[in-house]
Protein backbone atom coordinates (compact mmCIF):
# COMPACT_ATOMS: atom_id res chain seq x y z
CA MET A 1 25.29 -18.35 -31.63
CA PRO A 2 25.21 -14.75 -30.91
CA GLN A 3 24.16 -13.61 -27.33
CA PRO A 4 20.86 -11.61 -27.11
CA ASN A 5 21.21 -7.94 -26.61
CA MET A 6 20.15 -7.75 -22.98
CA GLN A 7 19.77 -4.00 -22.92
CA GLN A 8 17.39 -4.22 -25.97
CA MET A 9 15.44 -6.90 -24.34
CA LEU A 10 15.15 -4.92 -21.24
CA LYS A 11 13.79 -2.01 -23.18
CA GLN A 12 11.35 -4.30 -24.88
CA VAL A 13 10.04 -5.48 -21.57
CA GLN A 14 9.79 -1.99 -20.18
CA ARG A 15 7.81 -0.80 -23.19
CA MET A 16 5.53 -4.00 -22.85
CA GLN A 17 4.97 -3.10 -19.14
CA ALA A 18 3.92 0.39 -19.99
CA ASP A 19 1.66 -0.70 -22.81
CA MET A 20 0.00 -3.33 -20.52
CA ALA A 21 -0.46 -0.72 -17.64
CA ARG A 22 -2.09 1.64 -20.30
CA ALA A 23 -4.31 -1.29 -21.53
CA GLN A 24 -5.24 -2.24 -18.00
CA GLU A 25 -6.37 1.43 -17.41
CA GLU A 26 -8.39 1.53 -20.56
CA ILE A 27 -9.98 -1.80 -19.78
CA ALA A 28 -11.05 -0.79 -16.28
CA ALA A 29 -12.73 2.41 -17.70
CA ALA A 30 -14.45 0.53 -20.48
CA GLU A 31 -18.08 -0.46 -20.05
CA VAL A 32 -20.05 -3.30 -21.76
CA GLN A 33 -23.85 -3.96 -21.95
CA ALA A 34 -25.76 -6.94 -22.35
CA SER A 35 -29.53 -7.52 -22.56
CA SER A 36 -31.91 -10.45 -22.17
CA GLY A 37 -35.59 -10.91 -22.89
CA GLY A 38 -35.34 -9.06 -26.19
CA GLY A 39 -34.12 -5.98 -24.32
CA MET A 40 -36.41 -6.32 -21.28
CA VAL A 41 -33.36 -6.41 -19.02
CA THR A 42 -30.13 -4.65 -19.65
CA ALA A 43 -26.82 -4.90 -17.47
CA THR A 44 -23.82 -2.70 -17.71
CA VAL A 45 -20.57 -3.96 -16.54
CA SER A 46 -17.22 -2.31 -16.30
CA GLY A 47 -14.04 -3.86 -17.59
CA ALA A 48 -12.93 -4.16 -14.04
CA LEU A 49 -15.97 -6.61 -13.76
CA GLN A 50 -18.16 -4.35 -11.53
CA LEU A 51 -21.76 -4.29 -12.14
CA LYS A 52 -22.61 -0.59 -12.90
CA SER A 53 -26.28 -0.60 -13.71
CA ILE A 54 -29.33 -2.83 -14.45
CA ARG A 55 -32.22 -1.44 -16.51
CA ILE A 56 -35.47 -3.25 -16.30
CA GLU A 57 -38.39 -2.45 -18.53
CA PRO A 58 -41.81 -2.28 -16.66
CA ALA A 59 -43.16 -5.01 -18.94
CA ALA A 60 -40.72 -7.35 -17.41
CA ILE A 61 -41.99 -7.03 -13.95
CA ASP A 62 -44.85 -9.58 -13.68
CA PRO A 63 -45.82 -10.08 -10.07
CA ASP A 64 -47.19 -13.37 -10.85
CA ASP A 65 -43.88 -14.69 -12.29
CA PRO A 66 -40.92 -13.27 -10.28
CA ASP A 67 -38.73 -16.17 -11.23
CA LEU A 68 -38.88 -14.94 -14.92
CA LEU A 69 -37.42 -11.52 -13.95
CA SER A 70 -34.67 -13.31 -11.88
CA ASP A 71 -33.71 -15.37 -14.86
CA LEU A 72 -33.74 -12.30 -17.14
CA VAL A 73 -31.58 -10.23 -14.75
CA LEU A 74 -29.13 -13.29 -14.37
CA ALA A 75 -28.89 -13.92 -18.01
CA ALA A 76 -28.01 -10.04 -18.70
CA VAL A 77 -25.42 -9.90 -15.88
CA ASN A 78 -23.77 -13.17 -16.93
CA GLU A 79 -23.58 -12.01 -20.50
CA ALA A 80 -22.16 -8.61 -19.71
CA LEU A 81 -19.57 -10.14 -17.49
CA ARG A 82 -18.45 -12.78 -20.08
CA SER A 83 -18.34 -9.83 -22.62
CA ALA A 84 -16.16 -7.63 -20.30
CA GLN A 85 -13.77 -10.54 -19.69
CA GLN A 86 -13.59 -11.14 -23.58
CA LEU A 87 -12.87 -7.27 -23.96
CA ALA A 88 -9.95 -7.62 -21.57
CA ALA A 89 -8.59 -10.63 -23.25
CA ASP A 90 -8.78 -8.99 -26.66
CA ARG A 91 -7.07 -5.82 -25.64
CA MET A 92 -4.46 -7.73 -23.77
CA GLN A 93 -3.97 -10.02 -26.63
CA ARG A 94 -3.20 -6.85 -28.81
CA VAL A 95 -0.59 -5.66 -26.40
CA THR A 96 1.28 -8.91 -25.89
CA GLY A 97 1.00 -10.04 -29.46
CA GLY A 98 -0.30 -13.41 -28.36
CA LEU A 99 2.65 -14.00 -26.01
CA ASP A 100 1.61 -16.52 -23.39
CA MET A 101 2.46 -14.29 -20.28
CA GLY A 102 1.66 -17.12 -17.94
CA ALA A 103 4.22 -19.40 -19.54
CA LEU A 104 6.88 -16.94 -18.83
CA GLY A 105 5.89 -16.46 -15.17
CA GLY A 106 4.25 -13.16 -15.95
CA LEU A 107 7.69 -11.44 -16.22
CA GLY A 108 6.64 -9.50 -13.18
CA LEU A 109 3.97 -7.44 -15.22
CA PRO A 110 0.95 -6.16 -13.53
CA GLY A 111 -2.13 -8.51 -13.87
CA PHE A 112 -0.17 -11.71 -14.78
């Protein structure tokens, strides 16, 4: 059985590291939005999972039912966070080609 070309493997790993670093920068700069209550509350989250903004329509503010507004905000924020996590997973999947980086100890790559 022939020996693997270590130099070629090292170049592939270095290329993957650069691709992953670029993807992580793109993910951090990306923003996703999610809404609840038919658009009454909209949350914007960065790819770095930071809440960037919450927009609340005036009609969603009912002083007699503050719990409804609270529920709408939670739903919008949680959906935006889930969407940001899915965006990150999808982009990293493209970079790694489905390679399970956790199974390989992360190969010392950032983010794994």
